[in-house]
């Protein structure tokens, strides 16, 4: 028991010393608290400020970005598909160029330097694929990928703008910035609402890279 008490006192002292360092106190994360399980009625800035004011500086409401994330994953797949197809075409064109040069007994230097990549590409079959697995029309992979990107990118940008403007569905997690680290710690340690498991758990001093954003929807 003595050992546990001693280590607990040591931990509290060490934590206090760390939190009071100027380098930590200047961080935005030291003044920001993440509240989970926020009731739907408090997913409103004026109501939330009413229970946390007067020391609140900013409030960030999180939105359900599940659909947007799926769209971005699909976009990245198309971009990777395009990159792989272009790389395959470039390699094939270079192989055709080297083969042609090897087969020539003499090569005029001026002619070689004047040739363009299009001349080498003309002799190479461009990558193709079917729009559906084992079925569908056979399409040029590079042209298809570029067309899909031109179609999808504006849709994703519009969806991102909806989330930035707060027009998307909110989830029950909120970031709140306070005017000082002391006020953030006070909000972090105090009971915000009488209902059990509401506005909890809470976190402070966290970095965006520490968060599994998808799990905040739970």
N, C-alpha and C. Protein backbone atom coordinates (compact mmCIF):
# COMPACT_ATOMS: atom_id res chain seq x y z
N UNK A 1 0.83 -1.21 0.00
CA UNK A 1 0.00 0.00 0.00
C UNK A 1 0.87 1.26 0.00
N UNK A 2 1.96 1.19 0.76
CA UNK A 2 2.88 2.33 0.79
C UNK A 2 3.48 2.58 -0.59
N UNK A 3 3.88 1.49 -1.25
CA UNK A 3 4.47 1.61 -2.58
C UNK A 3 3.47 2.21 -3.58
N UNK A 4 2.22 1.75 -3.54
CA UNK A 4 1.20 2.27 -4.45
C UNK A 4 0.95 3.76 -4.18
N UNK A 5 0.88 4.12 -2.90
CA UNK A 5 0.65 5.53 -2.55
C UNK A 5 1.82 6.40 -2.99
N UNK A 6 3.04 5.91 -2.78
CA UNK A 6 4.23 6.68 -3.17
C UNK A 6 4.28 6.89 -4.68
N UNK A 7 4.02 5.82 -5.44
CA UNK A 7 4.06 5.93 -6.90
C UNK A 7 2.94 6.81 -7.42
N UNK A 8 1.80 6.80 -6.74
CA UNK A 8 0.69 7.65 -7.16
C UNK A 8 1.03 9.12 -6.97
N UNK A 9 1.63 9.45 -5.84
CA UNK A 9 2.05 10.82 -5.58
C UNK A 9 3.11 11.25 -6.60
N UNK A 10 4.04 10.35 -6.88
CA UNK A 10 5.09 10.65 -7.86
C UNK A 10 4.48 10.90 -9.24
N UNK A 11 3.50 10.07 -9.63
CA UNK A 11 2.86 10.22 -10.94
C UNK A 11 2.12 11.56 -11.04
N UNK A 12 1.36 11.90 -9.99
CA UNK A 12 0.62 13.16 -10.00
C UNK A 12 1.57 14.35 -10.09
N UNK A 13 2.66 14.30 -9.36
CA UNK A 13 3.64 15.39 -9.39
C UNK A 13 4.29 15.52 -10.76
N UNK A 14 4.64 14.38 -11.34
CA UNK A 14 5.27 14.38 -12.65
C UNK A 14 4.30 14.89 -13.72
N UNK A 15 3.04 14.46 -13.63
CA UNK A 15 2.02 14.92 -14.58
C UNK A 15 1.79 16.42 -14.46
N UNK A 16 1.74 16.90 -13.23
CA UNK A 16 1.54 18.33 -13.01
C UNK A 16 2.70 19.14 -13.57
N UNK A 17 3.92 18.65 -13.38
CA UNK A 17 5.10 19.35 -13.90
C UNK A 17 5.07 19.39 -15.43
N UNK A 18 4.64 18.30 -16.03
CA UNK A 18 4.57 18.24 -17.50
C UNK A 18 3.51 19.19 -18.04
N UNK A 19 2.34 19.20 -17.39
CA UNK A 19 1.26 20.06 -17.86
C UNK A 19 1.58 21.54 -17.71
N UNK A 20 2.43 21.89 -16.76
CA UNK A 20 2.76 23.29 -16.51
C UNK A 20 3.90 23.80 -17.37
N UNK A 21 4.50 22.93 -18.16
CA UNK A 21 5.59 23.39 -19.05
C UNK A 21 5.03 24.36 -20.08
N UNK A 22 5.74 25.49 -20.34
CA UNK A 22 5.26 26.46 -21.34
C UNK A 22 5.07 25.83 -22.72
N UNK A 23 5.94 24.90 -23.08
CA UNK A 23 5.84 24.28 -24.40
C UNK A 23 4.55 23.49 -24.55
N UNK A 24 4.04 22.93 -23.45
CA UNK A 24 2.79 22.19 -23.50
C UNK A 24 1.59 23.12 -23.38
N UNK A 25 1.70 24.11 -22.51
CA UNK A 25 0.57 25.01 -22.26
C UNK A 25 0.20 25.83 -23.49
N UNK A 26 1.17 26.04 -24.40
CA UNK A 26 0.91 26.83 -25.60
C UNK A 26 0.19 26.03 -26.68
N UNK A 27 0.14 24.73 -26.54
CA UNK A 27 -0.49 23.90 -27.56
C UNK A 27 -2.01 24.05 -27.51
N UNK A 28 -2.62 24.02 -28.69
CA UNK A 28 -4.08 24.07 -28.77
C UNK A 28 -4.70 22.85 -28.09
N UNK A 29 -4.03 21.71 -28.21
CA UNK A 29 -4.57 20.47 -27.63
C UNK A 29 -4.66 20.54 -26.12
N UNK A 30 -3.81 21.34 -25.47
CA UNK A 30 -3.85 21.44 -24.01
C UNK A 30 -5.09 22.18 -23.53
N UNK A 31 -5.70 22.98 -24.40
CA UNK A 31 -6.88 23.77 -24.03
C UNK A 31 -8.16 23.20 -24.64
N UNK A 32 -8.05 22.04 -25.28
CA UNK A 32 -9.20 21.47 -25.99
C UNK A 32 -9.62 20.16 -25.36
N UNK A 33 -10.93 19.98 -25.22
CA UNK A 33 -11.48 18.76 -24.63
C UNK A 33 -12.39 18.10 -25.66
N UNK A 34 -12.24 16.79 -25.81
CA UNK A 34 -13.13 16.01 -26.66
C UNK A 34 -14.19 15.36 -25.78
N UNK A 35 -15.46 15.73 -26.00
CA UNK A 35 -16.57 15.14 -25.27
C UNK A 35 -17.23 14.07 -26.14
N UNK A 36 -17.47 12.90 -25.56
CA UNK A 36 -18.17 11.83 -26.26
C UNK A 36 -19.57 11.68 -25.69
N UNK A 37 -20.41 10.92 -26.40
CA UNK A 37 -21.79 10.65 -25.96
C UNK A 37 -22.55 11.93 -25.65
N UNK A 38 -22.41 12.92 -26.52
CA UNK A 38 -23.11 14.19 -26.34
C UNK A 38 -24.58 14.00 -26.74
N UNK A 39 -25.53 14.38 -25.89
CA UNK A 39 -26.95 14.23 -26.24
C UNK A 39 -27.29 15.04 -27.48
N UNK A 40 -28.26 14.57 -28.23
CA UNK A 40 -28.66 15.25 -29.46
C UNK A 40 -29.07 16.70 -29.20
N UNK A 41 -29.70 16.94 -28.05
CA UNK A 41 -30.16 18.30 -27.75
C UNK A 41 -29.01 19.28 -27.57
N UNK A 42 -27.80 18.75 -27.26
CA UNK A 42 -26.64 19.62 -27.08
C UNK A 42 -25.75 19.69 -28.31
N UNK A 43 -26.18 19.09 -29.42
CA UNK A 43 -25.44 19.25 -30.67
C UNK A 43 -25.85 20.58 -31.31
N UNK A 44 -25.83 21.58 -30.48
CA UNK A 44 -26.22 22.94 -30.84
C UNK A 44 -25.28 23.89 -30.10
N UNK A 45 -24.66 24.81 -30.83
CA UNK A 45 -23.62 25.64 -30.23
C UNK A 45 -24.14 26.51 -29.09
N UNK A 46 -25.28 27.11 -29.26
CA UNK A 46 -25.79 28.00 -28.21
C UNK A 46 -26.10 27.24 -26.92
N UNK A 47 -26.70 26.04 -27.04
CA UNK A 47 -27.01 25.24 -25.86
C UNK A 47 -25.74 24.72 -25.19
N UNK A 48 -24.77 24.33 -26.01
CA UNK A 48 -23.52 23.81 -25.45
C UNK A 48 -22.74 24.91 -24.75
N UNK A 49 -22.74 26.10 -25.32
CA UNK A 49 -22.07 27.23 -24.67
C UNK A 49 -22.75 27.59 -23.35
N UNK A 50 -24.04 27.36 -23.28
CA UNK A 50 -24.79 27.71 -22.06
C UNK A 50 -24.31 26.90 -20.86
N UNK A 51 -23.90 25.65 -21.09
CA UNK A 51 -23.47 24.82 -19.96
C UNK A 51 -21.95 24.87 -19.74
N UNK A 52 -21.20 25.40 -20.73
CA UNK A 52 -19.74 25.43 -20.62
C UNK A 52 -19.17 26.84 -20.55
N UNK A 53 -19.97 27.84 -20.94
CA UNK A 53 -19.51 29.23 -20.92
C UNK A 53 -19.16 29.66 -19.51
N UNK A 54 -18.42 30.76 -19.33
CA UNK A 54 -18.04 31.79 -20.31
C UNK A 54 -16.64 31.59 -20.89
N UNK A 55 -16.06 30.46 -20.69
CA UNK A 55 -14.64 30.27 -21.06
C UNK A 55 -14.44 29.52 -22.37
N UNK A 56 -15.53 29.26 -23.11
CA UNK A 56 -15.42 28.56 -24.39
C UNK A 56 -14.96 29.53 -25.47
N UNK A 57 -13.97 29.12 -26.25
CA UNK A 57 -13.48 29.93 -27.37
C UNK A 57 -14.10 29.46 -28.68
N UNK A 58 -13.96 28.16 -28.96
CA UNK A 58 -14.51 27.60 -30.20
C UNK A 58 -15.08 26.21 -29.94
N UNK A 59 -16.04 25.84 -30.78
CA UNK A 59 -16.64 24.50 -30.71
C UNK A 59 -16.61 23.90 -32.11
N UNK A 60 -16.13 22.66 -32.18
CA UNK A 60 -16.12 21.94 -33.46
C UNK A 60 -17.07 20.75 -33.35
N UNK A 61 -18.12 20.76 -34.15
CA UNK A 61 -19.03 19.62 -34.21
C UNK A 61 -18.54 18.67 -35.30
N UNK A 62 -18.56 17.39 -35.00
CA UNK A 62 -18.11 16.40 -35.97
C UNK A 62 -19.30 15.87 -36.77
N UNK A 63 -19.05 15.55 -38.01
CA UNK A 63 -20.11 15.05 -38.89
C UNK A 63 -19.84 13.61 -39.29
N UNK A 64 -20.89 12.91 -39.65
CA UNK A 64 -20.78 11.52 -40.08
C UNK A 64 -20.22 11.50 -41.51
N UNK A 65 -18.95 11.19 -41.63
CA UNK A 65 -18.27 11.25 -42.93
C UNK A 65 -18.09 9.86 -43.54
N UNK A 66 -18.91 8.91 -43.13
CA UNK A 66 -18.77 7.54 -43.62
C UNK A 66 -18.91 7.47 -45.15
N UNK A 67 -19.96 8.10 -45.67
CA UNK A 67 -20.18 8.10 -47.12
C UNK A 67 -19.06 8.82 -47.84
N UNK A 68 -18.62 9.96 -47.28
CA UNK A 68 -17.53 10.72 -47.89
C UNK A 68 -16.24 9.91 -47.90
N UNK A 69 -15.97 9.20 -46.82
CA UNK A 69 -14.76 8.37 -46.75
C UNK A 69 -14.79 7.27 -47.81
N UNK A 70 -15.95 6.67 -48.00
CA UNK A 70 -16.08 5.64 -49.03
C UNK A 70 -15.82 6.21 -50.42
N UNK A 71 -16.30 7.43 -50.65
CA UNK A 71 -16.08 8.08 -51.93
C UNK A 71 -14.60 8.37 -52.16
N UNK A 72 -13.92 8.81 -51.09
CA UNK A 72 -12.50 9.12 -51.20
C UNK A 72 -11.68 7.85 -51.45
N UNK A 73 -12.06 6.76 -50.77
CA UNK A 73 -11.38 5.48 -51.00
C UNK A 73 -11.54 5.04 -52.46
N UNK A 74 -12.76 5.21 -52.99
CA UNK A 74 -12.99 4.88 -54.39
C UNK A 74 -12.17 5.74 -55.33
N UNK A 75 -12.05 7.03 -54.98
CA UNK A 75 -11.24 7.95 -55.78
C UNK A 75 -9.77 7.52 -55.79
N UNK A 76 -9.27 7.15 -54.62
CA UNK A 76 -7.87 6.73 -54.52
C UNK A 76 -7.61 5.45 -55.32
N UNK A 77 -8.60 4.55 -55.37
CA UNK A 77 -8.45 3.33 -56.15
C UNK A 77 -8.36 3.64 -57.64
N UNK A 78 -9.21 4.57 -58.10
CA UNK A 78 -9.17 4.95 -59.51
C UNK A 78 -7.84 5.61 -59.85
N UNK A 79 -7.37 6.50 -58.96
CA UNK A 79 -6.08 7.18 -59.19
C UNK A 79 -4.94 6.17 -59.25
N UNK A 80 -4.96 5.18 -58.38
CA UNK A 80 -3.93 4.14 -58.38
C UNK A 80 -4.03 3.29 -59.64
N UNK A 81 -5.24 3.02 -60.05
CA UNK A 81 -5.48 2.26 -61.29
C UNK A 81 -4.88 2.99 -62.48
N UNK A 82 -5.09 4.32 -62.52
CA UNK A 82 -4.54 5.15 -63.60
C UNK A 82 -3.01 5.15 -63.56
N UNK A 83 -2.47 5.30 -62.36
CA UNK A 83 -1.00 5.32 -62.22
C UNK A 83 -0.38 4.00 -62.69
N UNK A 84 -0.99 2.89 -62.31
CA UNK A 84 -0.47 1.58 -62.71
C UNK A 84 -0.54 1.39 -64.23
N UNK A 85 -1.65 1.85 -64.83
CA UNK A 85 -1.82 1.70 -66.28
C UNK A 85 -0.80 2.55 -67.04
N UNK A 86 -0.58 3.78 -66.57
CA UNK A 86 0.39 4.65 -67.23
C UNK A 86 1.81 4.12 -67.07
N UNK A 87 2.11 3.59 -65.90
CA UNK A 87 3.44 3.00 -65.68
C UNK A 87 3.65 1.79 -66.59
N UNK A 88 2.62 0.96 -66.72
CA UNK A 88 2.70 -0.21 -67.59
C UNK A 88 2.93 0.20 -69.04
N UNK A 89 2.23 1.25 -69.47
CA UNK A 89 2.38 1.73 -70.85
C UNK A 89 3.77 2.29 -71.09
N UNK A 90 4.28 3.05 -70.15
CA UNK A 90 5.61 3.64 -70.28
C UNK A 90 6.68 2.56 -70.36
N UNK A 91 6.57 1.55 -69.50
CA UNK A 91 7.53 0.45 -69.52
C UNK A 91 7.50 -0.30 -70.85
N UNK A 92 6.28 -0.54 -71.36
CA UNK A 92 6.14 -1.26 -72.62
C UNK A 92 6.71 -0.44 -73.78
N UNK A 93 6.48 0.87 -73.76
CA UNK A 93 7.01 1.73 -74.81
C UNK A 93 8.53 1.78 -74.78
N UNK A 94 9.09 1.84 -73.57
CA UNK A 94 10.55 1.87 -73.43
C UNK A 94 11.16 0.55 -73.90
N UNK A 95 10.50 -0.56 -73.59
CA UNK A 95 10.99 -1.87 -74.04
C UNK A 95 10.96 -1.96 -75.57
N UNK A 96 9.90 -1.40 -76.18
CA UNK A 96 9.81 -1.39 -77.64
C UNK A 96 10.90 -0.54 -78.25
N UNK A 97 11.21 0.60 -77.60
CA UNK A 97 12.27 1.48 -78.09
C UNK A 97 13.63 0.80 -78.05
N UNK A 98 13.92 0.15 -76.92
CA UNK A 98 15.22 -0.53 -76.77
C UNK A 98 15.35 -1.69 -77.76
N UNK A 99 14.26 -2.40 -77.98
CA UNK A 99 14.28 -3.53 -78.92
C UNK A 99 14.55 -3.04 -80.33
N UNK A 100 13.93 -1.92 -80.71
CA UNK A 100 14.12 -1.37 -82.04
C UNK A 100 15.56 -0.90 -82.23
N UNK A 101 16.10 -0.25 -81.21
CA UNK A 101 17.47 0.24 -81.30
C UNK A 101 18.47 -0.90 -81.39
N UNK A 102 18.20 -1.98 -80.68
CA UNK A 102 19.10 -3.14 -80.73
C UNK A 102 19.10 -3.79 -82.11
N UNK A 103 17.93 -3.75 -82.76
CA UNK A 103 17.81 -4.40 -84.07
C UNK A 103 18.38 -3.56 -85.20
N UNK A 104 18.62 -2.29 -84.94
CA UNK A 104 19.18 -1.43 -85.97
C UNK A 104 20.71 -1.55 -85.99
N UNK A 105 21.26 -1.74 -87.13
CA UNK A 105 22.71 -1.86 -87.23
C UNK A 105 23.38 -0.51 -87.03
N UNK A 106 22.81 0.48 -87.60
CA UNK A 106 23.33 1.84 -87.42
C UNK A 106 22.17 2.76 -87.13
N UNK A 107 22.39 3.67 -86.18
CA UNK A 107 21.32 4.60 -85.80
C UNK A 107 21.84 6.01 -85.94
N UNK A 108 21.10 6.80 -86.68
CA UNK A 108 21.49 8.19 -86.85
C UNK A 108 21.16 8.96 -85.57
N UNK A 109 22.16 9.58 -84.97
CA UNK A 109 21.98 10.24 -83.66
C UNK A 109 20.95 11.34 -83.72
N UNK A 110 20.97 12.11 -84.78
CA UNK A 110 20.00 13.20 -84.91
C UNK A 110 18.59 12.69 -84.99
N UNK A 111 18.39 11.57 -85.71
CA UNK A 111 17.05 11.01 -85.83
C UNK A 111 16.57 10.46 -84.50
N UNK A 112 17.48 9.79 -83.76
CA UNK A 112 17.12 9.21 -82.46
C UNK A 112 16.68 10.28 -81.47
N UNK A 113 17.47 11.37 -81.43
CA UNK A 113 17.13 12.44 -80.49
C UNK A 113 15.84 13.15 -80.88
N UNK A 114 15.47 13.12 -82.16
CA UNK A 114 14.28 13.83 -82.61
C UNK A 114 13.02 13.03 -82.44
N UNK A 115 13.13 11.76 -82.13
CA UNK A 115 11.91 10.94 -81.96
C UNK A 115 11.20 11.31 -80.67
N UNK A 116 9.88 11.22 -80.70
CA UNK A 116 9.05 11.59 -79.54
C UNK A 116 8.49 10.35 -78.87
N UNK A 117 8.08 10.45 -77.57
CA UNK A 117 7.46 9.30 -76.89
C UNK A 117 6.25 8.76 -77.62
N UNK A 118 5.51 9.65 -78.31
CA UNK A 118 4.31 9.19 -79.03
C UNK A 118 4.65 8.17 -80.11
N UNK A 119 5.84 8.32 -80.73
CA UNK A 119 6.24 7.37 -81.76
C UNK A 119 6.48 5.98 -81.18
N UNK A 120 7.06 5.93 -79.98
CA UNK A 120 7.28 4.64 -79.34
C UNK A 120 5.95 4.06 -78.84
N UNK A 121 5.08 4.94 -78.31
CA UNK A 121 3.80 4.48 -77.79
C UNK A 121 2.88 3.94 -78.89
N UNK A 122 3.07 4.46 -80.10
CA UNK A 122 2.20 4.03 -81.20
C UNK A 122 2.34 2.54 -81.50
N UNK A 123 3.52 1.98 -81.22
CA UNK A 123 3.77 0.57 -81.52
C UNK A 123 3.42 -0.35 -80.35
N UNK A 124 2.89 0.21 -79.26
CA UNK A 124 2.59 -0.58 -78.06
C UNK A 124 1.08 -0.61 -77.83
N UNK A 125 0.58 -1.76 -77.42
CA UNK A 125 -0.84 -1.89 -77.12
C UNK A 125 -1.15 -1.21 -75.78
N UNK A 126 -2.12 -0.31 -75.76
CA UNK A 126 -2.49 0.41 -74.54
C UNK A 126 -3.23 -0.52 -73.57
N UNK A 127 -3.05 -0.30 -72.25
CA UNK A 127 -3.74 -1.14 -71.25
C UNK A 127 -5.26 -1.01 -71.37
N UNK A 128 -5.95 -2.13 -71.28
CA UNK A 128 -7.41 -2.14 -71.32
C UNK A 128 -7.95 -3.00 -70.18
N UNK A 129 -9.22 -2.84 -69.90
CA UNK A 129 -9.88 -3.68 -68.91
C UNK A 129 -11.38 -3.66 -69.20
N UNK A 130 -12.09 -4.58 -68.57
CA UNK A 130 -13.54 -4.61 -68.71
C UNK A 130 -14.18 -3.83 -67.57
N UNK A 131 -15.25 -3.14 -67.88
CA UNK A 131 -15.90 -2.29 -66.88
C UNK A 131 -16.43 -3.10 -65.70
N UNK A 132 -16.83 -4.35 -65.94
CA UNK A 132 -17.25 -5.25 -64.88
C UNK A 132 -16.41 -6.52 -64.95
N UNK A 133 -16.21 -7.15 -63.81
CA UNK A 133 -15.37 -8.35 -63.74
C UNK A 133 -15.94 -9.44 -64.64
N UNK A 134 -15.12 -9.91 -65.57
CA UNK A 134 -15.47 -10.98 -66.51
C UNK A 134 -16.61 -10.62 -67.46
N UNK A 135 -17.06 -9.38 -67.45
CA UNK A 135 -18.13 -8.98 -68.34
C UNK A 135 -18.04 -7.48 -68.60
N UNK A 136 -18.97 -6.97 -69.37
CA UNK A 136 -18.97 -5.55 -69.65
C UNK A 136 -18.11 -5.20 -70.85
N UNK A 137 -18.18 -3.94 -71.24
CA UNK A 137 -17.41 -3.48 -72.40
C UNK A 137 -15.93 -3.38 -72.08
N UNK A 138 -15.10 -3.64 -73.08
CA UNK A 138 -13.67 -3.51 -72.93
C UNK A 138 -13.30 -2.05 -73.22
N UNK A 139 -12.64 -1.40 -72.26
CA UNK A 139 -12.35 0.03 -72.39
C UNK A 139 -10.86 0.28 -72.20
N UNK A 140 -10.42 1.42 -72.73
CA UNK A 140 -9.04 1.86 -72.53
C UNK A 140 -8.89 2.31 -71.07
N UNK A 141 -7.99 1.66 -70.32
CA UNK A 141 -7.88 1.91 -68.88
C UNK A 141 -7.51 3.35 -68.57
N UNK A 142 -6.58 3.93 -69.32
CA UNK A 142 -6.12 5.29 -69.04
C UNK A 142 -7.24 6.30 -69.32
N UNK A 143 -7.87 6.18 -70.48
CA UNK A 143 -8.96 7.11 -70.81
C UNK A 143 -10.13 6.96 -69.84
N UNK A 144 -10.47 5.71 -69.48
CA UNK A 144 -11.57 5.48 -68.55
C UNK A 144 -11.27 6.07 -67.18
N UNK A 145 -10.06 5.85 -66.67
CA UNK A 145 -9.69 6.35 -65.34
C UNK A 145 -9.73 7.87 -65.29
N UNK A 146 -9.21 8.52 -66.33
CA UNK A 146 -9.20 9.98 -66.35
C UNK A 146 -10.63 10.53 -66.40
N UNK A 147 -11.49 9.87 -67.17
CA UNK A 147 -12.89 10.31 -67.25
C UNK A 147 -13.60 10.14 -65.91
N UNK A 148 -13.33 9.02 -65.22
CA UNK A 148 -13.94 8.78 -63.91
C UNK A 148 -13.47 9.81 -62.89
N UNK A 149 -12.19 10.16 -62.92
CA UNK A 149 -11.68 11.16 -61.98
C UNK A 149 -12.33 12.52 -62.23
N UNK A 150 -12.48 12.89 -63.49
CA UNK A 150 -13.14 14.17 -63.80
C UNK A 150 -14.58 14.18 -63.33
N UNK A 151 -15.22 13.02 -63.29
CA UNK A 151 -16.61 12.93 -62.86
C UNK A 151 -16.74 12.91 -61.33
N UNK A 152 -15.82 12.21 -60.66
CA UNK A 152 -15.95 11.98 -59.22
C UNK A 152 -15.41 13.15 -58.38
N UNK A 153 -14.33 13.77 -58.82
CA UNK A 153 -13.68 14.83 -58.01
C UNK A 153 -14.64 15.98 -57.68
N UNK A 154 -15.42 16.52 -58.63
CA UNK A 154 -16.36 17.60 -58.27
C UNK A 154 -17.42 17.15 -57.25
N UNK A 155 -17.85 15.89 -57.35
CA UNK A 155 -18.85 15.38 -56.40
C UNK A 155 -18.26 15.34 -54.99
N UNK A 156 -17.03 14.88 -54.87
CA UNK A 156 -16.37 14.80 -53.56
C UNK A 156 -16.14 16.20 -52.99
N UNK A 157 -15.73 17.14 -53.83
CA UNK A 157 -15.50 18.51 -53.36
C UNK A 157 -16.80 19.12 -52.84
N UNK A 158 -17.90 18.86 -53.52
CA UNK A 158 -19.19 19.39 -53.07
C UNK A 158 -19.59 18.77 -51.74
N UNK A 159 -19.34 17.47 -51.58
CA UNK A 159 -19.66 16.79 -50.32
C UNK A 159 -18.78 17.31 -49.18
N UNK A 160 -17.51 17.56 -49.46
CA UNK A 160 -16.60 18.12 -48.45
C UNK A 160 -17.09 19.50 -48.00
N UNK A 161 -17.57 20.28 -48.96
CA UNK A 161 -18.07 21.62 -48.63
C UNK A 161 -19.29 21.54 -47.73
N UNK A 162 -20.15 20.54 -47.96
CA UNK A 162 -21.32 20.33 -47.10
C UNK A 162 -20.90 20.07 -45.66
N UNK A 163 -19.85 19.26 -45.49
CA UNK A 163 -19.36 18.95 -44.14
C UNK A 163 -18.75 20.19 -43.50
N UNK A 164 -18.00 20.97 -44.27
CA UNK A 164 -17.38 22.18 -43.72
C UNK A 164 -18.44 23.19 -43.26
N UNK A 165 -19.53 23.25 -43.98
CA UNK A 165 -20.60 24.21 -43.66
C UNK A 165 -21.55 23.69 -42.58
N UNK A 166 -21.31 22.49 -42.07
CA UNK A 166 -22.15 21.94 -41.02
C UNK A 166 -23.50 21.46 -41.51
N UNK A 167 -23.62 21.18 -42.80
CA UNK A 167 -24.90 20.76 -43.35
C UNK A 167 -25.09 19.24 -43.30
N UNK A 168 -24.03 18.51 -42.98
CA UNK A 168 -24.10 17.05 -42.92
C UNK A 168 -24.59 16.61 -41.53
N UNK A 169 -24.94 15.35 -41.43
CA UNK A 169 -25.44 14.80 -40.17
C UNK A 169 -24.34 14.83 -39.10
N UNK A 170 -24.68 15.34 -37.92
CA UNK A 170 -23.70 15.43 -36.84
C UNK A 170 -23.65 14.11 -36.06
N UNK A 171 -22.45 13.82 -35.54
CA UNK A 171 -22.30 12.67 -34.65
C UNK A 171 -22.13 13.17 -33.23
N UNK A 172 -22.25 12.27 -32.27
CA UNK A 172 -22.31 12.67 -30.85
C UNK A 172 -20.93 12.79 -30.23
N UNK A 173 -20.08 13.58 -30.89
CA UNK A 173 -18.74 13.87 -30.36
C UNK A 173 -18.41 15.32 -30.72
N UNK A 174 -17.85 16.05 -29.74
CA UNK A 174 -17.62 17.48 -29.92
C UNK A 174 -16.26 17.87 -29.34
N UNK A 175 -15.52 18.69 -30.09
CA UNK A 175 -14.28 19.29 -29.58
C UNK A 175 -14.59 20.69 -29.10
N UNK A 176 -14.14 21.01 -27.89
CA UNK A 176 -14.38 22.34 -27.33
C UNK A 176 -13.05 22.94 -26.89
N UNK A 177 -12.75 24.14 -27.42
CA UNK A 177 -11.54 24.85 -27.02
C UNK A 177 -11.89 25.87 -25.94
N UNK A 178 -11.11 25.88 -24.86
CA UNK A 178 -11.30 26.83 -23.77
C UNK A 178 -10.20 27.89 -23.81
N UNK A 179 -10.43 28.98 -23.07
CA UNK A 179 -9.47 30.09 -23.14
C UNK A 179 -8.19 29.84 -22.35
N UNK A 180 -8.16 28.80 -21.53
CA UNK A 180 -6.95 28.48 -20.79
C UNK A 180 -6.90 26.98 -20.51
N UNK A 181 -5.71 26.50 -20.21
CA UNK A 181 -5.57 25.08 -19.89
C UNK A 181 -6.28 24.74 -18.59
N UNK A 182 -6.28 25.68 -17.65
CA UNK A 182 -6.95 25.45 -16.38
C UNK A 182 -8.45 25.23 -16.56
N UNK A 183 -9.09 26.05 -17.41
CA UNK A 183 -10.52 25.89 -17.65
C UNK A 183 -10.81 24.58 -18.39
N UNK A 184 -9.89 24.20 -19.30
CA UNK A 184 -10.06 22.93 -20.01
C UNK A 184 -9.97 21.76 -19.03
N UNK A 185 -9.02 21.82 -18.11
CA UNK A 185 -8.88 20.77 -17.11
C UNK A 185 -10.09 20.72 -16.18
N UNK A 186 -10.64 21.89 -15.87
CA UNK A 186 -11.82 21.95 -15.00
C UNK A 186 -13.01 21.28 -15.68
N UNK A 187 -13.20 21.57 -16.98
CA UNK A 187 -14.30 20.94 -17.72
C UNK A 187 -14.06 19.44 -17.90
N UNK A 188 -12.80 19.09 -18.04
CA UNK A 188 -12.44 17.68 -18.23
C UNK A 188 -12.73 16.86 -16.97
N UNK A 189 -12.51 17.46 -15.79
CA UNK A 189 -12.62 16.73 -14.54
C UNK A 189 -13.99 16.85 -13.86
N UNK A 190 -14.81 17.80 -14.30
CA UNK A 190 -16.08 18.02 -13.62
C UNK A 190 -17.22 17.30 -14.34
N UNK A 191 -18.31 17.08 -13.61
CA UNK A 191 -19.50 16.44 -14.17
C UNK A 191 -20.27 17.49 -14.96
N UNK A 192 -20.43 17.23 -16.26
CA UNK A 192 -21.09 18.20 -17.13
C UNK A 192 -22.60 18.05 -17.12
N UNK A 193 -23.06 16.82 -16.92
CA UNK A 193 -24.51 16.58 -16.97
C UNK A 193 -24.87 15.51 -15.94
N UNK A 194 -26.08 15.60 -15.42
CA UNK A 194 -26.49 14.70 -14.34
C UNK A 194 -26.71 13.27 -14.81
N UNK A 195 -27.05 13.08 -16.08
CA UNK A 195 -27.34 11.74 -16.59
C UNK A 195 -26.06 10.91 -16.69
N UNK A 196 -26.11 9.68 -16.20
CA UNK A 196 -24.93 8.81 -16.19
C UNK A 196 -24.47 8.50 -17.62
N UNK A 197 -23.15 8.48 -17.80
CA UNK A 197 -22.50 8.15 -19.08
C UNK A 197 -22.80 9.16 -20.18
N UNK A 198 -23.29 10.34 -19.81
CA UNK A 198 -23.52 11.40 -20.80
C UNK A 198 -22.34 12.36 -20.77
N UNK A 199 -21.90 12.78 -21.95
CA UNK A 199 -20.72 13.66 -22.10
C UNK A 199 -19.46 12.98 -21.57
N UNK A 200 -19.44 11.65 -21.57
CA UNK A 200 -18.27 10.88 -21.18
C UNK A 200 -18.10 9.73 -22.17
N UNK A 201 -16.90 9.24 -22.35
CA UNK A 201 -15.66 9.70 -21.74
C UNK A 201 -15.19 11.02 -22.34
N UNK A 202 -14.26 11.65 -21.65
CA UNK A 202 -13.68 12.91 -22.12
C UNK A 202 -12.18 12.71 -22.29
N UNK A 203 -11.62 13.50 -23.22
CA UNK A 203 -10.18 13.42 -23.47
C UNK A 203 -9.64 14.83 -23.66
N UNK A 204 -8.43 15.04 -23.20
CA UNK A 204 -7.76 16.32 -23.41
C UNK A 204 -6.29 16.07 -23.74
N UNK A 205 -5.67 17.05 -24.38
CA UNK A 205 -4.26 16.92 -24.72
C UNK A 205 -3.99 15.92 -25.82
N UNK A 206 -5.00 15.61 -26.65
CA UNK A 206 -4.81 14.62 -27.71
C UNK A 206 -4.48 15.31 -29.03
N UNK A 207 -3.72 14.59 -29.86
CA UNK A 207 -3.34 15.08 -31.19
C UNK A 207 -4.25 14.41 -32.22
N UNK A 208 -4.58 15.10 -33.30
CA UNK A 208 -5.45 14.49 -34.33
C UNK A 208 -4.98 13.12 -34.81
N UNK A 209 -3.67 12.89 -34.84
CA UNK A 209 -3.17 11.59 -35.29
C UNK A 209 -3.41 10.49 -34.26
N UNK A 210 -3.79 10.87 -33.02
CA UNK A 210 -4.07 9.87 -31.98
C UNK A 210 -5.50 9.32 -32.08
N UNK A 211 -6.30 9.93 -32.94
CA UNK A 211 -7.73 9.61 -32.97
C UNK A 211 -8.05 8.67 -34.13
N UNK A 212 -8.85 7.65 -33.85
CA UNK A 212 -9.43 6.82 -34.91
C UNK A 212 -10.77 7.45 -35.24
N UNK A 213 -10.79 8.30 -36.25
CA UNK A 213 -11.94 9.16 -36.54
C UNK A 213 -13.19 8.35 -36.83
N UNK A 214 -13.02 7.23 -37.50
CA UNK A 214 -14.17 6.39 -37.85
C UNK A 214 -14.90 5.94 -36.59
N UNK A 215 -14.16 5.67 -35.51
CA UNK A 215 -14.76 5.14 -34.28
C UNK A 215 -15.55 6.21 -33.50
N UNK A 216 -15.37 7.47 -33.83
CA UNK A 216 -16.10 8.51 -33.12
C UNK A 216 -17.60 8.46 -33.42
N UNK A 217 -17.99 7.73 -34.46
CA UNK A 217 -19.42 7.59 -34.79
C UNK A 217 -20.11 6.66 -33.79
N UNK A 218 -19.35 5.83 -33.10
CA UNK A 218 -19.94 4.83 -32.20
C UNK A 218 -20.51 5.53 -30.95
